[in-house]
Amino acid sequence: MARNTGTFDFPANFEVNKLGPLDARTVTPLACELTDSSLPFAYHGMLVSVTDDTTANNGLYMLSATDATCVDNWQRIGSGSGGSGTVTGSTAGALLSTNNNSTCIEFGIDSGALDYLDQSSCLGLNTVGTVEGVTTGSLLSGGGNSGCFNIGIDSGALNYLDQSSCAGLNCIGDVVTGDLAGLTDCLGTVTCVTTTGDYLTGGGNSNFNIGIDSACASKWDNTAAGGILGVTTNSGLSGGGASGCVTIGIDSGTLTPLDQSSCPGINAVGTVEGVTTSTLLSGGGNSGCFNIGVNSGALTYLDQSSCSGIDCEGTVTCVTATGPLLSGGGNSNVAIGINSGALDYLNQSACPGIDCEGTIQGVTTTGDYLTGGGTSGCFNVGLDSACAAKWDNASAGGVTNVTGGDGITSSGGTTPEIAVDSSVARTDVAETFQNNVTVQGELSVSCAATLGGGVTIGNAQTIKLPSAAGTVYALDKVFTGVVGTGGTTITTFTKADLKSVKYDVTLVQGTNVTAFEIIAAYNGTDVSGSVYAIADAQDDSQLDDVEITSTGTTIDLVITSAANTTTATIFGKAKY
């Protein structure tokens, strides 16, 4: 089979300026990382050095098969002095034979071992007979001397055999990293099973059965079987019995104590005879139709817009009902209702002013500015003529002079000409800016603009460059952050509708400066990128690692630097 050739040709050598391998996968500190998928795209024949494990595990390993998660597929290349030798002879022990060939030695079972290993006469092997009777002992029930009968575990054995409280049953935990030399993650073959004790029989080396030994019968006593001896009901219930199937229900004598039809407030009908309002309410009356409302003076008192928890959103984690409420409890799809015991407490049928209507008996205006009102029929309420004194046209004044301010010109006087001067940008025609322009918010330019000076965008703002149709656009933005040796996440562009992004990154730690670029593509689900054009102003790079992630709503950079408190400045261009 011909070898697979590479995709790219490099007619030059690499001069690595880093204290480490060119392929980071070829070195790992722990042997357990060979099989825990820490090495991406592990290939058959791959060589990896383990450097910081135990003396027994450190060394060079080769992947001898395609499954990198199987420990037996990683062959450790010996760290001794090496060398080779030739087998010149062999000696067979008891029950074995050998041809003692110095070129190719063969071992086999000696013919003299056949009699020694012959178990054909052993009880229970390949024997056929007739069962004449089965008697069950402790913990078993059933059996018989003829016909078909059943044997089962007696119900009295359930407690005896219950191992749910035994240590290690149904337990969940974490596998602790151990010595790879002692692990066997791959499949194997059972070579021998031997049964011991009084209760098991069978076993062997190939195609064998294991069963409960006949001596176990004494442990399964059918006489220990039992059942429900009786069900007795208490006050409010009826039914029960001492044998067979029994029924339990609510006793008919309980209906009267549970009858709430006469309780106040349940399906009650009455007439409101009067309603008097108190603090924070207005309206009311003793007859006819009348209205009740919240008094205007109560608006400030009742304003809860600044109270904690108003208009907040979150997830209910648990609901517990107390007092007059009744709830099923829990933390998902919880139903809450009014407890039946709260009906009397909440009964307001006797409260004055419930569902009453009344007639306004009269409206009287007071003060200097209102007039009108009455006690019957239709009447008007309006502004009083005395209000005119407060609106005296004779005291009205006029404009005596207008002076232009920043961006405005004025000819002055009582009838000035006012215009916008050349320092103010217009939004409906092309403009030319001769000086620097500073934008504190978002800058939107819908027509041509000529800039004679510099443009400064407000802190953390974005420049958007749309296409002719407007649906495709690019965003320019600068991101900053302080990164360290533990990996620091810097949030960048929103990933919704994002197609690709390019970053120009500079890392600064004192006088050490490292610059590099990143380009990444996003398909709506996965993000993939590449780091290139790394330039270091010193011998040691400030960049240890960089990762592009898309776990949240944004595309993020996880930067690991060679030193803590390293300043990262990132100029990004995203295309949507």
Protein backbone atom coordinates (compact mmCIF):
# COMPACT_ATOMS: atom_id res chain seq x y z
CA MET A 1 0.00 0.00 0.00
CA ALA A 2 1.46 3.33 -1.09
CA ARG A 3 1.92 6.05 1.53
CA ASN A 4 -0.37 9.10 1.60
CA THR A 5 1.37 12.17 0.24
CA GLY A 6 0.98 15.65 1.75
CA THR A 7 -1.22 18.47 0.48
CA PHE A 8 1.35 21.29 0.51
CA ASP A 9 5.01 21.40 -0.58
CA PHE A 10 7.48 23.39 1.58
CA PRO A 11 10.82 23.85 -0.23
CA ALA A 12 12.44 25.16 2.98
CA ASN A 13 13.14 24.29 6.62
CA PHE A 14 11.53 25.71 9.78
CA GLU A 15 13.68 27.49 12.35
CA VAL A 16 11.52 27.23 15.50
CA ASN A 17 12.01 30.15 17.92
CA LYS A 18 10.14 28.51 20.81
CA LEU A 19 11.21 26.13 23.56
CA GLY A 20 8.85 23.41 22.40
CA PRO A 21 7.91 21.16 19.47
CA LEU A 22 6.51 22.46 16.18
CA ASP A 23 3.59 19.99 16.54
CA ALA A 24 2.26 20.52 20.10
CA ARG A 25 0.60 17.08 20.04
CA THR A 26 3.94 15.26 20.12
CA VAL A 27 4.54 16.10 23.82
CA THR A 28 2.11 15.59 26.72
CA PRO A 29 2.84 15.63 30.47
CA LEU A 30 0.72 12.63 31.61
CA ALA A 31 0.31 9.17 30.13
CA CYS A 32 -3.45 9.24 30.83
CA GLU A 33 -3.78 12.07 28.26
CA LEU A 34 -2.88 9.61 25.50
CA THR A 35 -6.34 8.03 25.75
CA ASP A 36 -8.63 10.84 27.03
CA SER A 37 -9.01 12.53 23.60
CA SER A 38 -6.58 15.32 24.57
CA LEU A 39 -4.65 14.68 21.32
CA PRO A 40 -6.83 15.79 18.37
CA PHE A 41 -6.59 13.84 15.11
CA ALA A 42 -4.31 11.13 16.56
CA TYR A 43 -3.15 8.94 13.67
CA HIS A 44 -1.86 5.40 13.29
CA GLY A 45 1.92 5.52 13.77
CA MET A 46 1.88 8.81 15.73
CA LEU A 47 4.79 9.28 18.19
CA VAL A 48 4.13 11.13 21.49
CA SER A 49 6.53 11.79 24.39
CA VAL A 50 5.21 11.58 28.00
CA THR A 51 7.41 13.86 30.14
CA ASP A 52 5.97 14.58 33.61
CA ASP A 53 4.40 11.30 34.76
CA THR A 54 5.92 8.55 36.92
CA THR A 55 9.23 7.01 35.96
CA ALA A 56 7.40 3.89 34.78
CA ASN A 57 5.09 5.91 32.49
CA ASN A 58 7.51 8.52 31.07
CA GLY A 59 8.88 7.75 27.64
CA LEU A 60 8.11 7.65 23.92
CA TYR A 61 4.82 6.02 22.81
CA MET A 62 3.68 4.96 19.33
CA LEU A 63 0.01 4.56 18.34
CA SER A 64 -0.12 1.06 16.83
CA ALA A 65 -3.81 1.15 15.78
CA THR A 66 -6.40 3.75 14.83
CA ASP A 67 -8.27 3.79 18.17
CA ALA A 68 -6.32 6.27 20.32
CA THR A 69 -8.63 5.83 23.31
CA CYS A 70 -7.49 2.20 23.84
CA VAL A 71 -4.47 2.04 26.15
CA ASP A 72 -3.22 -1.22 24.58
CA ASN A 73 -2.87 0.56 21.22
CA TRP A 74 -0.16 2.86 22.65
CA GLN A 75 3.13 0.90 22.54
CA ARG A 76 5.84 2.31 24.81
CA ILE A 77 9.26 2.32 23.19
CA GLY A 78 11.73 1.05 25.83
CA SER A 79 13.97 3.59 27.57
CA GLY A 80 16.81 1.12 28.33
CA SER A 81 20.04 0.54 26.43
CA GLY A 82 18.18 -1.32 23.66
CA GLY A 83 19.75 -4.18 21.68
CA SER A 84 18.51 -7.56 20.43
CA GLY A 85 19.28 -11.25 20.89
CA THR A 86 18.52 -14.74 19.60
CA VAL A 87 16.59 -17.48 21.38
CA THR A 88 18.78 -20.61 21.25
CA GLY A 89 16.58 -23.11 23.06
CA SER A 90 13.50 -23.78 25.19
CA THR A 91 12.45 -25.98 28.08
CA ALA A 92 8.87 -27.17 28.59
CA GLY A 93 7.46 -27.62 32.06
CA ALA A 94 4.80 -29.96 33.39
CA LEU A 95 2.01 -30.81 30.93
CA LEU A 96 3.76 -28.85 28.11
CA SER A 97 5.91 -29.97 25.18
CA THR A 98 8.29 -28.09 22.84
CA ASN A 99 10.16 -28.84 19.63
CA ASN A 100 13.25 -27.01 21.01
CA ASN A 101 13.85 -25.51 17.55
CA SER A 102 16.33 -22.64 17.71
CA THR A 103 14.74 -20.94 14.70
CA CYS A 104 11.00 -21.13 15.48
CA ILE A 105 10.03 -22.60 18.84
CA GLU A 106 6.59 -24.16 19.32
CA PHE A 107 4.88 -24.92 22.63
CA GLY A 108 1.86 -27.17 23.13
CA ILE A 109 0.02 -29.30 25.68
CA ASP A 110 1.81 -32.62 26.15
CA SER A 111 -0.15 -35.76 25.24
CA GLY A 112 0.53 -37.08 28.72
CA ALA A 113 -1.63 -34.28 30.08
CA LEU A 114 -4.78 -35.53 28.39
CA ASP A 115 -5.55 -38.10 31.09
CA TYR A 116 -4.72 -35.58 33.81
CA LEU A 117 -7.06 -32.99 32.31
CA ASP A 118 -9.85 -35.47 31.45
CA GLN A 119 -12.96 -34.42 33.43
CA SER A 120 -15.50 -36.55 31.55
CA SER A 121 -16.17 -38.62 34.66
CA CYS A 122 -16.75 -35.60 36.91
CA LEU A 123 -20.23 -35.30 38.38
CA GLY A 124 -22.47 -32.84 36.54
CA LEU A 125 -20.55 -32.73 33.24
CA ASN A 126 -22.66 -33.67 30.18
CA THR A 127 -24.84 -35.93 32.40
CA VAL A 128 -28.49 -36.66 31.58
CA GLY A 129 -31.02 -38.01 34.15
CA THR A 130 -34.50 -37.64 35.68
CA VAL A 131 -35.32 -35.35 38.56
CA GLU A 132 -37.38 -37.38 41.09
CA GLY A 133 -38.13 -34.62 43.51
CA VAL A 134 -37.30 -31.02 44.43
CA THR A 135 -37.59 -29.71 47.96
CA THR A 136 -37.04 -26.01 48.62
CA GLY A 137 -35.21 -24.79 51.65
CA SER A 138 -34.68 -21.42 53.30
CA LEU A 139 -35.49 -18.38 51.09
CA LEU A 140 -37.04 -20.52 48.27
CA SER A 141 -40.67 -21.56 47.70
CA GLY A 142 -42.27 -24.18 45.45
CA GLY A 143 -40.97 -27.62 44.41
CA GLY A 144 -42.63 -31.07 44.13
CA ASN A 145 -42.14 -34.81 43.43
CA SER A 146 -43.93 -35.19 40.06
CA GLY A 147 -45.33 -33.27 37.14
CA CYS A 148 -44.37 -29.66 36.41
CA PHE A 149 -43.65 -27.37 39.32
CA ASN A 150 -42.05 -24.00 39.91
CA ILE A 151 -39.30 -22.84 42.22
CA GLY A 152 -38.93 -19.17 43.15
CA ILE A 153 -37.45 -16.82 45.71
CA ASP A 154 -39.67 -16.65 48.79
CA SER A 155 -41.04 -13.20 49.70
CA GLY A 156 -39.47 -13.60 53.12
CA ALA A 157 -36.06 -13.52 51.43
CA LEU A 158 -36.44 -9.95 50.10
CA ASN A 159 -35.13 -8.27 53.24
CA TYR A 160 -32.40 -10.89 53.65
CA LEU A 161 -31.21 -10.41 50.07
CA ASP A 162 -31.64 -6.62 49.98
CA GLN A 163 -28.20 -5.15 49.26
CA SER A 164 -29.30 -1.61 48.39
CA SER A 165 -27.51 -0.25 51.46
CA CYS A 166 -24.27 -2.10 50.69
CA ALA A 167 -21.32 0.14 49.90
CA GLY A 168 -20.58 0.45 46.17
CA LEU A 169 -24.02 -0.58 44.82
CA ASN A 170 -25.66 1.94 42.45
CA CYS A 171 -22.89 4.45 43.19
CA ILE A 172 -21.77 7.14 40.76
CA GLY A 173 -18.34 8.74 40.93
CA ASP A 174 -15.38 10.04 38.95
CA VAL A 175 -12.57 7.93 37.60
CA VAL A 176 -9.30 9.14 39.13
CA THR A 177 -6.32 9.29 36.82
CA GLY A 178 -4.11 6.31 37.53
CA ASP A 179 -1.20 4.37 36.17
CA LEU A 180 -1.78 3.56 32.50
CA ALA A 181 0.35 0.46 32.85
CA GLY A 182 -2.38 -1.05 35.07
CA LEU A 183 -5.35 -0.10 32.87
CA THR A 184 -7.09 -2.44 30.39
CA ASP A 185 -9.63 -0.47 28.40
CA CYS A 186 -9.71 -2.95 25.49
CA LEU A 187 -11.76 -6.07 25.04
CA GLY A 188 -10.48 -9.44 26.31
CA THR A 189 -11.46 -13.09 26.70
CA VAL A 190 -12.43 -14.92 29.89
CA THR A 191 -10.13 -17.93 30.13
CA CYS A 192 -11.40 -19.60 33.28
CA VAL A 193 -14.24 -19.46 35.82
CA THR A 194 -14.12 -21.45 39.06
CA THR A 195 -17.07 -21.63 41.48
CA THR A 196 -16.47 -21.83 45.23
CA GLY A 197 -18.60 -22.07 48.36
CA ASP A 198 -21.72 -24.12 49.16
CA TYR A 199 -24.20 -22.36 46.85
CA LEU A 200 -22.66 -22.36 43.31
CA THR A 201 -21.74 -25.15 40.91
CA GLY A 202 -20.29 -25.35 37.39
CA GLY A 203 -17.61 -23.26 35.67
CA GLY A 204 -14.79 -24.18 33.30
CA ASN A 205 -12.58 -22.84 30.52
CA SER A 206 -14.93 -22.84 27.48
CA ASN A 207 -18.75 -22.92 26.97
CA PHE A 208 -19.76 -23.70 30.56
CA ASN A 209 -22.72 -23.05 32.88
CA ILE A 210 -22.88 -21.68 36.40
CA GLY A 211 -25.86 -22.47 38.67
CA ILE A 212 -27.06 -22.66 42.29
CA ASP A 213 -25.74 -25.76 44.01
CA SER A 214 -28.18 -28.27 45.51
CA ALA A 215 -26.67 -27.56 48.94
CA CYS A 216 -28.28 -24.11 48.69
CA ALA A 217 -31.73 -25.63 49.09
CA SER A 218 -31.55 -25.57 52.88
CA LYS A 219 -31.24 -21.77 52.74
CA TRP A 220 -34.63 -21.26 51.02
CA ASP A 221 -37.50 -22.26 53.33
CA ASN A 222 -40.96 -22.12 51.75
CA THR A 223 -42.54 -21.95 55.19
CA ALA A 224 -41.18 -18.42 55.59
CA ALA A 225 -43.54 -17.04 52.91
CA GLY A 226 -46.08 -14.47 54.16
CA GLY A 227 -48.58 -11.84 53.06
CA ILE A 228 -50.91 -9.07 54.27
CA LEU A 229 -52.72 -10.29 57.39
CA GLY A 230 -55.34 -7.56 57.58
CA VAL A 231 -56.34 -3.95 56.82
CA THR A 232 -58.22 -1.93 59.48
CA THR A 233 -59.78 1.48 58.78
CA ASN A 234 -59.95 4.39 61.24
CA SER A 235 -62.38 7.29 61.70
CA GLY A 236 -63.73 8.66 58.42
CA LEU A 237 -62.90 5.52 56.39
CA SER A 238 -64.81 2.29 55.77
CA GLY A 239 -63.89 -1.14 54.38
CA GLY A 240 -60.83 -3.30 54.99
CA GLY A 241 -60.53 -7.01 55.83
CA ALA A 242 -58.25 -9.84 56.95
CA SER A 243 -57.96 -11.86 53.68
CA GLY A 244 -58.46 -11.67 49.94
CA CYS A 245 -58.87 -8.33 48.11
CA VAL A 246 -60.15 -5.52 50.34
CA THR A 247 -61.61 -2.09 49.51
CA ILE A 248 -61.12 1.13 51.47
CA GLY A 249 -63.24 4.27 50.99
CA ILE A 250 -64.57 7.43 52.70
CA ASP A 251 -67.29 6.52 55.20
CA SER A 252 -70.79 7.92 54.52
CA GLY A 253 -70.86 9.34 58.05
CA THR A 254 -68.06 11.71 57.02
CA LEU A 255 -70.24 13.63 54.53
CA THR A 256 -71.84 15.87 57.16
CA PRO A 257 -68.55 17.06 58.78
CA LEU A 258 -67.17 17.83 55.31
CA ASP A 259 -70.26 19.72 54.13
CA GLN A 260 -69.34 23.41 53.65
CA SER A 261 -72.49 24.52 51.82
CA SER A 262 -73.59 26.61 54.81
CA CYS A 263 -70.23 28.36 55.25
CA PRO A 264 -70.39 32.19 54.87
CA GLY A 265 -69.19 33.47 51.52
CA ILE A 266 -69.86 30.33 49.48
CA ASN A 267 -72.38 31.05 46.69
CA ALA A 268 -73.87 33.85 48.88
CA VAL A 269 -76.01 36.65 47.39
CA GLY A 270 -76.74 39.96 49.18
CA THR A 271 -77.31 43.72 48.80
CA VAL A 272 -74.71 46.37 49.48
CA GLU A 273 -76.25 49.10 51.65
CA GLY A 274 -73.41 51.53 51.78
CA VAL A 275 -69.77 52.09 50.87
CA THR A 276 -67.44 54.50 52.63
CA THR A 277 -63.93 55.04 51.27
CA SER A 278 -60.92 55.61 53.45
CA THR A 279 -57.22 56.33 52.88
CA LEU A 280 -56.06 56.07 49.24
CA LEU A 281 -59.65 55.54 47.89
CA SER A 282 -62.27 58.03 46.65
CA GLY A 283 -66.00 57.76 45.85
CA GLY A 284 -68.65 55.62 47.58
CA GLY A 285 -72.23 56.29 48.77
CA ASN A 286 -75.27 54.89 50.60
CA SER A 287 -77.76 54.40 47.76
CA GLY A 288 -78.07 54.24 44.01
CA CYS A 289 -75.08 53.73 41.76
CA PHE A 290 -71.73 55.16 42.69
CA ASN A 291 -68.09 54.56 41.82
CA ILE A 292 -65.04 53.74 43.88
CA GLY A 293 -61.51 54.44 42.63
CA VAL A 294 -57.93 54.97 43.72
CA ASN A 295 -57.44 58.52 44.95
CA SER A 296 -54.98 60.56 42.87
CA GLY A 297 -53.03 61.27 46.03
CA ALA A 298 -52.32 57.56 46.29
CA LEU A 299 -50.42 57.31 43.02
CA THR A 300 -47.07 58.29 44.50
CA TYR A 301 -47.66 56.14 47.57
CA LEU A 302 -48.55 53.10 45.47
CA ASP A 303 -45.79 53.61 42.90
CA GLN A 304 -43.65 50.46 43.07
CA SER A 305 -41.65 50.98 39.88
CA SER A 306 -38.45 51.33 41.92
CA CYS A 307 -39.14 48.31 44.14
CA SER A 308 -36.81 45.35 43.76
CA GLY A 309 -38.26 42.51 41.73
CA ILE A 310 -40.80 44.57 39.73
CA ASP A 311 -40.71 43.75 35.98
CA CYS A 312 -37.91 41.24 36.61
CA GLU A 313 -37.57 38.02 34.67
CA GLY A 314 -36.09 34.77 35.92
CA THR A 315 -36.70 31.08 36.49
CA VAL A 316 -38.83 29.75 39.34
CA THR A 317 -36.76 27.13 41.16
CA CYS A 318 -39.21 26.22 43.89
CA VAL A 319 -42.74 27.15 45.02
CA THR A 320 -43.96 26.60 48.57
CA ALA A 321 -47.48 27.68 49.51
CA THR A 322 -48.29 28.92 53.03
CA GLY A 323 -51.29 30.42 54.79
CA PRO A 324 -54.45 30.55 52.65
CA LEU A 325 -52.66 29.16 49.54
CA LEU A 326 -52.45 25.53 48.47
CA SER A 327 -49.66 24.24 46.16
CA GLY A 328 -48.45 20.92 44.87
CA GLY A 329 -44.91 22.14 45.61
CA GLY A 330 -41.87 21.42 43.47
CA ASN A 331 -39.87 23.37 40.90
CA SER A 332 -41.57 22.64 37.54
CA ASN A 333 -45.17 23.16 36.33
CA VAL A 334 -46.37 24.01 39.86
CA ALA A 335 -50.08 24.64 40.42
CA ILE A 336 -51.07 27.17 43.12
CA GLY A 337 -54.63 27.63 44.38
CA ILE A 338 -56.57 29.03 47.31
CA ASN A 339 -56.86 26.54 50.15
CA SER A 340 -60.43 25.60 51.01
CA GLY A 341 -59.72 26.71 54.56
CA ALA A 342 -59.23 30.28 53.26
CA LEU A 343 -62.81 30.70 51.98
CA ASP A 344 -64.14 32.19 55.23
CA TYR A 345 -61.05 34.37 55.59
CA LEU A 346 -61.41 35.78 52.06
CA ASN A 347 -65.23 36.14 52.12
CA GLN A 348 -65.98 39.84 51.41
CA SER A 349 -69.69 39.50 50.70
CA ALA A 350 -70.50 41.56 53.82
CA CYS A 351 -68.03 44.38 52.99
CA PRO A 352 -69.65 47.80 52.18
CA GLY A 353 -69.31 49.01 48.60
CA ILE A 354 -69.02 45.73 46.74
CA ASP A 355 -70.70 45.88 43.28
CA CYS A 356 -72.80 48.95 44.17
CA GLU A 357 -74.03 51.65 41.77
CA GLY A 358 -75.13 55.21 42.61
CA THR A 359 -75.98 58.66 41.27
CA ILE A 360 -73.89 61.81 41.60
CA GLN A 361 -75.93 64.19 43.76
CA GLY A 362 -74.03 67.36 42.96
CA VAL A 363 -70.78 69.02 41.74
CA THR A 364 -69.54 72.27 43.30
CA THR A 365 -66.58 74.23 41.90
CA THR A 366 -64.29 76.17 44.21
CA GLY A 367 -61.31 78.45 43.76
CA ASP A 368 -60.62 81.35 41.42
CA TYR A 369 -60.28 79.44 38.17
CA LEU A 370 -63.33 77.10 37.86
CA THR A 371 -67.01 77.89 37.27
CA GLY A 372 -70.18 75.87 36.72
CA GLY A 373 -71.49 72.69 38.39
CA GLY A 374 -74.97 71.80 39.70
CA THR A 375 -77.08 69.30 41.64
CA SER A 376 -79.26 67.86 38.83
CA GLY A 377 -79.51 67.46 35.08
CA CYS A 378 -76.61 68.24 32.75
CA PHE A 379 -74.19 70.99 33.73
CA ASN A 380 -70.75 72.23 32.64
CA VAL A 381 -67.53 72.88 34.47
CA GLY A 382 -65.07 75.37 32.92
CA LEU A 383 -62.48 78.09 33.53
CA ASP A 384 -63.80 81.11 35.46
CA SER A 385 -63.57 84.59 33.92
CA ALA A 386 -61.43 85.58 36.90
CA CYS A 387 -58.77 83.45 35.31
CA ALA A 388 -58.37 86.08 32.60
CA ALA A 389 -56.32 88.22 34.95
CA LYS A 390 -53.72 85.53 34.88
CA TRP A 391 -53.67 85.61 31.10
CA ASP A 392 -53.56 89.33 30.44
CA ASN A 393 -52.50 90.01 26.90
CA ALA A 394 -51.53 93.50 27.92
CA SER A 395 -48.62 92.07 29.88
CA ALA A 396 -47.38 90.04 26.93
CA GLY A 397 -43.94 90.96 25.63
CA GLY A 398 -42.04 90.44 22.36
CA VAL A 399 -38.66 89.54 20.92
CA THR A 400 -36.26 92.43 21.24
CA ASN A 401 -33.09 90.83 19.85
CA VAL A 402 -31.80 87.44 18.61
CA THR A 403 -28.12 86.55 18.83
CA GLY A 404 -26.60 83.56 17.09
CA GLY A 405 -24.74 80.88 19.08
CA ASP A 406 -22.53 77.89 18.32
CA GLY A 407 -23.40 76.69 14.80
CA ILE A 408 -26.10 79.42 14.32
CA THR A 409 -25.77 82.83 12.63
CA SER A 410 -28.17 85.76 13.21
CA SER A 411 -28.46 89.22 11.69
CA GLY A 412 -29.75 90.54 15.07
CA GLY A 413 -32.63 92.87 15.86
CA THR A 414 -36.31 92.06 16.34
CA THR A 415 -36.74 90.43 12.90
CA PRO A 416 -33.42 88.65 12.39
CA GLU A 417 -32.37 86.23 9.70
CA ILE A 418 -31.24 82.99 11.33
CA ALA A 419 -29.21 80.29 9.54
CA VAL A 420 -27.02 77.28 10.27
CA ASP A 421 -23.36 78.14 9.70
CA SER A 422 -20.75 76.02 7.85
CA SER A 423 -19.58 74.30 11.05
CA VAL A 424 -22.79 72.23 11.22
CA ALA A 425 -23.17 69.12 9.07
CA ARG A 426 -26.30 68.79 6.97
CA THR A 427 -27.97 65.42 6.52
CA ASP A 428 -29.54 65.91 3.06
CA VAL A 429 -26.53 66.98 0.91
CA ALA A 430 -22.84 66.15 0.52
CA GLU A 431 -20.67 67.73 3.21
CA THR A 432 -16.96 68.56 3.56
CA PHE A 433 -15.38 68.48 7.03
CA GLN A 434 -12.12 70.48 7.26
CA ASN A 435 -11.34 69.70 10.91
CA ASN A 436 -11.34 66.66 13.17
CA VAL A 437 -14.76 65.04 13.76
CA THR A 438 -15.64 63.40 17.08
CA VAL A 439 -18.69 61.13 17.30
CA GLN A 440 -19.85 60.23 20.83
CA GLY A 441 -22.55 57.78 19.77
CA GLU A 442 -23.13 55.72 16.64
CA LEU A 443 -22.15 57.35 13.33
CA SER A 444 -24.57 56.90 10.41
CA VAL A 445 -23.72 58.56 7.05
CA SER A 446 -26.40 58.29 4.32
CA CYS A 447 -24.78 60.60 1.76
CA ALA A 448 -21.27 61.49 0.59
CA ALA A 449 -19.00 63.14 3.17
CA THR A 450 -15.47 64.51 2.71
CA LEU A 451 -13.28 64.54 5.81
CA GLY A 452 -10.39 67.00 5.78
CA GLY A 453 -9.27 66.06 9.31
CA GLY A 454 -9.44 62.93 11.49
CA VAL A 455 -12.56 61.09 12.68
CA THR A 456 -12.88 59.92 16.29
CA ILE A 457 -15.64 57.45 17.19
CA GLY A 458 -16.90 57.28 20.79
CA ASN A 459 -15.42 54.65 23.11
CA ALA A 460 -16.51 51.05 22.34
CA GLN A 461 -18.54 52.20 19.30
CA THR A 462 -18.76 50.37 15.94
CA ILE A 463 -18.34 51.56 12.35
CA LYS A 464 -20.87 49.88 10.03
CA LEU A 465 -20.20 49.73 6.27
CA PRO A 466 -23.29 48.36 4.43
CA SER A 467 -23.44 47.17 0.83
CA ALA A 468 -25.68 48.74 -1.80
CA ALA A 469 -28.65 46.57 -0.80
CA GLY A 470 -27.95 47.11 2.89
CA THR A 471 -28.44 43.44 3.84
CA VAL A 472 -24.73 42.63 3.63
CA TYR A 473 -22.42 44.77 5.71
CA ALA A 474 -19.12 44.91 7.59
CA LEU A 475 -18.45 46.08 11.15
CA ASP A 476 -15.17 47.57 12.41
CA LYS A 477 -14.54 47.68 16.14
CA VAL A 478 -11.63 47.75 18.64
CA PHE A 479 -11.62 45.41 21.68
CA THR A 480 -9.22 45.50 24.63
CA GLY A 481 -8.57 43.35 27.67
CA VAL A 482 -5.94 42.19 30.16
CA VAL A 483 -4.93 38.55 29.59
CA GLY A 484 -2.76 36.14 31.55
CA THR A 485 -1.27 32.67 31.73
CA GLY A 486 -4.56 30.99 32.65
CA GLY A 487 -6.40 31.90 29.44
CA THR A 488 -8.64 35.01 29.31
CA THR A 489 -11.89 35.30 27.30
CA ILE A 490 -12.42 38.52 25.32
CA THR A 491 -15.95 38.90 23.92
CA THR A 492 -16.08 40.28 20.35
CA PHE A 493 -18.79 40.35 17.65
CA THR A 494 -22.37 39.01 17.85
CA LYS A 495 -22.45 35.70 15.96
CA ALA A 496 -26.03 35.98 14.60
CA ASP A 497 -25.79 36.18 10.74
CA LEU A 498 -21.96 36.38 11.00
CA LYS A 499 -20.08 34.87 8.06
CA SER A 500 -16.41 35.63 8.75
CA VAL A 501 -14.18 37.76 10.97
CA LYS A 502 -10.58 38.95 10.93
CA TYR A 503 -8.61 40.12 13.97
CA ASP A 504 -5.38 42.14 14.18
CA VAL A 505 -4.06 41.44 17.71
CA THR A 506 -1.23 43.10 19.67
CA LEU A 507 -0.01 41.80 23.06
CA VAL A 508 2.05 44.20 25.23
CA GLN A 509 3.83 43.28 28.47
CA GLY A 510 6.27 46.05 29.43
CA THR A 511 8.75 46.30 26.55
CA ASN A 512 7.73 42.92 25.10
CA VAL A 513 5.39 43.19 22.10
CA THR A 514 3.90 40.40 20.00
CA ALA A 515 1.57 40.97 17.04
CA PHE A 516 -0.42 38.41 15.05
CA GLU A 517 -3.54 38.02 12.93
CA ILE A 518 -6.51 35.65 13.11
CA ILE A 519 -9.07 34.81 10.43
CA ALA A 520 -12.17 32.73 11.19
CA ALA A 521 -15.32 31.52 9.43
CA TYR A 522 -18.70 30.79 11.04
CA ASN A 523 -21.46 28.67 9.44
CA GLY A 524 -24.15 29.31 12.01
CA THR A 525 -23.12 26.31 14.14
CA ASP A 526 -19.35 25.88 14.21
CA VAL A 527 -16.46 28.35 14.08
CA SER A 528 -13.05 27.55 12.65
CA GLY A 529 -10.05 29.82 12.44
CA SER A 530 -6.34 30.12 11.80
CA VAL A 531 -3.56 32.16 13.46
CA TYR A 532 -0.83 33.53 11.21
CA ALA A 533 1.70 36.33 10.67
CA ILE A 534 3.09 36.14 14.23
CA ALA A 535 5.72 38.82 14.82
CA ASP A 536 7.74 39.17 18.06
CA ALA A 537 9.76 42.28 18.92
CA GLN A 538 11.93 40.13 21.25
CA ASP A 539 13.24 36.55 21.45
CA ASP A 540 10.38 35.08 23.49
CA SER A 541 6.82 35.38 22.20
CA GLN A 542 4.13 36.87 24.45
CA LEU A 543 1.58 34.47 22.86
CA ASP A 544 1.27 30.97 24.33
CA ASP A 545 -2.11 29.99 22.87
CA VAL A 546 -5.27 31.45 21.35
CA GLU A 547 -8.64 29.75 20.84
CA ILE A 548 -11.77 30.90 18.97
CA THR A 549 -15.07 29.92 20.63
CA SER A 550 -18.78 30.42 19.92
CA THR A 551 -20.48 28.95 22.99
CA GLY A 552 -22.66 31.97 23.78
CA THR A 553 -24.22 34.65 21.56
CA THR A 554 -20.84 36.06 20.50
CA ILE A 555 -17.60 35.00 18.86
CA ASP A 556 -14.93 35.09 21.59
CA LEU A 557 -11.13 34.90 21.75
CA VAL A 558 -9.53 32.92 24.60
CA ILE A 559 -5.94 34.24 24.78
CA THR A 560 -3.18 32.69 26.92
CA SER A 561 -0.11 34.90 27.26
CA ALA A 562 3.39 34.17 28.48
CA ALA A 563 2.91 36.51 31.47
CA ASN A 564 0.04 37.87 33.53
CA THR A 565 -1.28 41.46 33.20
CA THR A 566 -0.58 41.48 29.46
CA THR A 567 -2.58 44.09 27.55
CA ALA A 568 -4.39 42.78 24.45
CA THR A 569 -5.54 45.27 21.77
CA ILE A 570 -7.71 43.73 19.04
CA PHE A 571 -8.90 45.44 15.85
CA GLY A 572 -11.71 43.35 14.37
CA LYS A 573 -13.57 43.42 11.06
CA ALA A 574 -16.72 41.25 10.92
CA LYS A 575 -18.69 40.49 7.75
CA TYR A 576 -22.43 39.80 7.98
